[in-house]
Amino acid sequence: NDDSVETYIGKFKRICDDLSAIEKSVDEGAQVYWLLQGLGEGYEAFIASMLQPPTLPYEE
């Protein structure tokens, strides 16, 4: 992906909005997943951390 992150996110949001306008909306979880998948290799560590399930707090 050669776009800046800002440009990429803007295009992605427009696509999601267009799908919603024709009543083919994508749920928020899927949007996050596909947005992250399109970021590219430079964001691999960020993507991996965002796709990890949350850790539960430890209580004694």
C-alpha atoms as a PDB file:
ATOM      1  CA  ASN A   1       0.000   0.000   0.000  1.00  0.00           C
ATOM      2  CA  ASP A   2       1.657   3.239  -1.181  1.00  0.00           C
ATOM      3  CA  ASP A   3      -0.871   5.597   0.430  1.00  0.00           C
ATOM      4  CA  SER A   4      -0.215   7.428   3.670  1.00  0.00           C
ATOM      5  CA  VAL A   5      -2.036   5.899   6.623  1.00  0.00           C
ATOM      6  CA  GLU A   6      -4.355   8.902   6.727  1.00  0.00           C
ATOM      7  CA  THR A   7      -5.248   8.497   3.032  1.00  0.00           C
ATOM      8  CA  TYR A   8      -5.688   4.740   3.399  1.00  0.00           C
ATOM      9  CA  ILE A   9      -8.015   5.119   6.400  1.00  0.00           C
ATOM     10  CA  GLY A  10     -10.038   7.772   4.567  1.00  0.00           C
ATOM     11  CA  LYS A  11     -10.501   5.496   1.545  1.00  0.00           C
ATOM     12  CA  PHE A  12     -11.383   2.579   3.802  1.00  0.00           C
ATOM     13  CA  LYS A  13     -13.983   4.648   5.665  1.00  0.00           C
ATOM     14  CA  ARG A  14     -15.550   5.795   2.382  1.00  0.00           C
ATOM     15  CA  ILE A  15     -15.845   2.176   1.232  1.00  0.00           C
ATOM     16  CA  CYS A  16     -17.502   1.197   4.523  1.00  0.00           C
ATOM     17  CA  ASP A  17     -19.850   4.186   4.271  1.00  0.00           C
ATOM     18  CA  ASP A  18     -20.709   3.281   0.664  1.00  0.00           C
ATOM     19  CA  LEU A  19     -21.480  -0.303   1.684  1.00  0.00           C
ATOM     20  CA  SER A  20     -23.657   0.945   4.519  1.00  0.00           C
ATOM     21  CA  ALA A  21     -25.520   3.240   2.114  1.00  0.00           C
ATOM     22  CA  ILE A  22     -26.547   0.229   0.030  1.00  0.00           C
ATOM     23  CA  GLU A  23     -27.496  -1.700   3.165  1.00  0.00           C
ATOM     24  CA  LYS A  24     -24.470  -4.026   2.974  1.00  0.00           C
ATOM     25  CA  SER A  25     -22.755  -2.752   6.095  1.00  0.00           C
ATOM     26  CA  VAL A  26     -19.769  -4.555   7.586  1.00  0.00           C
ATOM     27  CA  ASP A  27     -19.758  -5.042  11.354  1.00  0.00           C
ATOM     28  CA  GLU A  28     -17.231  -3.065  13.368  1.00  0.00           C
ATOM     29  CA  GLY A  29     -15.063  -6.062  14.261  1.00  0.00           C
ATOM     30  CA  ALA A  30     -14.689  -7.004  10.602  1.00  0.00           C
ATOM     31  CA  GLN A  31     -13.924  -3.392   9.697  1.00  0.00           C
ATOM     32  CA  VAL A  32     -11.100  -3.270  12.244  1.00  0.00           C
ATOM     33  CA  TYR A  33      -9.716  -6.602  11.024  1.00  0.00           C
ATOM     34  CA  TRP A  34      -9.702  -5.593   7.352  1.00  0.00           C
ATOM     35  CA  LEU A  35      -8.378  -2.110   8.089  1.00  0.00           C
ATOM     36  CA  LEU A  36      -5.433  -3.618   9.970  1.00  0.00           C
ATOM     37  CA  GLN A  37      -4.789  -6.202   7.240  1.00  0.00           C
ATOM     38  CA  GLY A  38      -4.328  -3.434   4.683  1.00  0.00           C
ATOM     39  CA  LEU A  39      -1.744  -1.439   6.631  1.00  0.00           C
ATOM     40  CA  GLY A  40       1.259  -3.320   5.279  1.00  0.00           C
ATOM     41  CA  GLU A  41       4.494  -4.825   6.538  1.00  0.00           C
ATOM     42  CA  GLY A  42       5.701  -1.718   8.356  1.00  0.00           C
ATOM     43  CA  TYR A  43       2.840  -2.097  10.815  1.00  0.00           C
ATOM     44  CA  GLU A  44       3.177  -5.837  11.563  1.00  0.00           C
ATOM     45  CA  ALA A  45       3.981  -5.389  15.274  1.00  0.00           C
ATOM     46  CA  PHE A  46       1.068  -2.961  15.720  1.00  0.00           C
ATOM     47  CA  ILE A  47      -1.302  -5.269  13.826  1.00  0.00           C
ATOM     48  CA  ALA A  48      -0.258  -8.286  15.891  1.00  0.00           C
ATOM     49  CA  SER A  49      -0.791  -6.404  19.143  1.00  0.00           C
ATOM     50  CA  MET A  50      -4.215  -5.142  18.065  1.00  0.00           C
ATOM     51  CA  LEU A  51      -5.397  -8.603  17.006  1.00  0.00           C
ATOM     52  CA  GLN A  52      -4.365 -10.255  20.289  1.00  0.00           C
ATOM     53  CA  PRO A  53      -7.218 -11.021  22.666  1.00  0.00           C
ATOM     54  CA  PRO A  54      -7.192  -8.761  25.727  1.00  0.00           C
ATOM     55  CA  THR A  55      -5.429 -10.114  28.783  1.00  0.00           C
ATOM     56  CA  LEU A  56      -7.493 -10.624  31.884  1.00  0.00           C
ATOM     57  CA  PRO A  57      -6.348  -8.870  35.049  1.00  0.00           C
ATOM     58  CA  TYR A  58      -4.856 -11.126  37.687  1.00  0.00           C
ATOM     59  CA  GLU A  59      -6.553 -11.011  41.056  1.00  0.00           C
ATOM     60  CA  GLU A  60      -5.358 -12.821  44.176  1.00  0.00           C
END
